[in-house]
Amino acid sequence: MSFFEKNRLNWFIPALIWMAPSAFADEITTCREIKADSARLACFDALAKPASSITATQDPSGEATKQPPSDAPATPGVLTERIESQKKADDNPFLIKAYKPNYILLGAYTTNRLASDVYDFKPQNTEAKFQLSFQFNWWDHPFGKNTAFYFGYSQLSFWQVYNSSVSSPFRETNYEPEIGLDLTTDTHLAGLDFRKVRMSFIHQSNGQGGLRSRSWNRLALQTGFERGDFAGSLRGWYRIPESRATDDNPDITDYLGYGDLTLGYKLGTGTVSATLRNNLKSQNRGSVELNYSFPFNKHVQAYVQYFNGYGESLIDYNRSINRIGIGFSLNNWF
């Protein structure tokens, strides 16, 4: 052993014994009894290593408890949790990411009389309603780490499942593909954390012809924000004009307006959300959709939905509908 190492032991061992709390007395004694100089020095070096970044404090009972460092990150919000879970699915080709809520209302009853002039049968007021919605990124990082080109698809169907006299037809199905640029952000404004920005081209139609035909195209800008268990999305859109000869619903923005606002809150194990639309005109028209879900089992959630206003479906975009339904959902907005 070198002269330096021998002298290091001469001052190091007494100093360590003097500074160490009684809890380390046994460890120090064990190190002193080691015969080999290099092994004994390594033993004392291990005892003298600095504590980890997790600090120890005393609780009222006198026992040490670990505390996180003061700069530990805050608990992520519900929207951030969804973003992080989606990132884990991006590299798995066998997983499809949910987009809008996926649900089925086994019984959806409307107090309004459904229009029968566009059908060749008389629709019942009680039917099934379901939505399928997914998305995926088809090009990652086109303009940097937090950007992606995405594709989304949503399908909303109204099924006259209980109308056996006319073979239980689908009364209406709306198809809504969209494509655009998705940007993940980390902006703080007015007490909210803005985590998403999307620029999209959206097509929506019901795949019908003649008097039943409905369709329109939009350019949309959307932002998603959160604060703890609260999250929301604000979206505005511009309808791409069509010629009068091909436009099946020229006044659709008079009923559906130019944007929507979705708000949601994690309420215990359940989730409550609302989607609002308004045309912001003197002849005021709009809609509200309220949803509540809670765990039914480990696979699905019980789901309750209330809708009132215009635009529940394209075929009824200019008719006010009042509907309540109950069923099951696979996912919510977050």
Foldseek 3Di string as FASTA:
>chain_A
DDPVLVVCCVPLLVVCVVPDDPVCVVLSVVLVPDDDSVSSVVSSVVVPDDDDQFDWDQDPVRDTDTDHHPPDDDDDAPVVVLVVVVVVCQPPPVDWAFAAWWWKFQWKAWPDQDDCPVDPDRADRIWMKTKGKTKHFPAAQPPHHFKTKMKMKMKIWTWSQVPPVVPTGTPWMKIKIKIWMKGADADDDPNKGWGIKIWMKMKMWGPDDDLQTAIWIKTKIKIKIGDHQKIKMWMFIDTDDDDPVPHNCPCLCQAQAGIKMKIKGCDPQKIKMKIKGWNPDPPIFIKMKIKIWHCPDPAKIKIKMWIWTADPDRSGRPPTITMIGIGIIRDHND
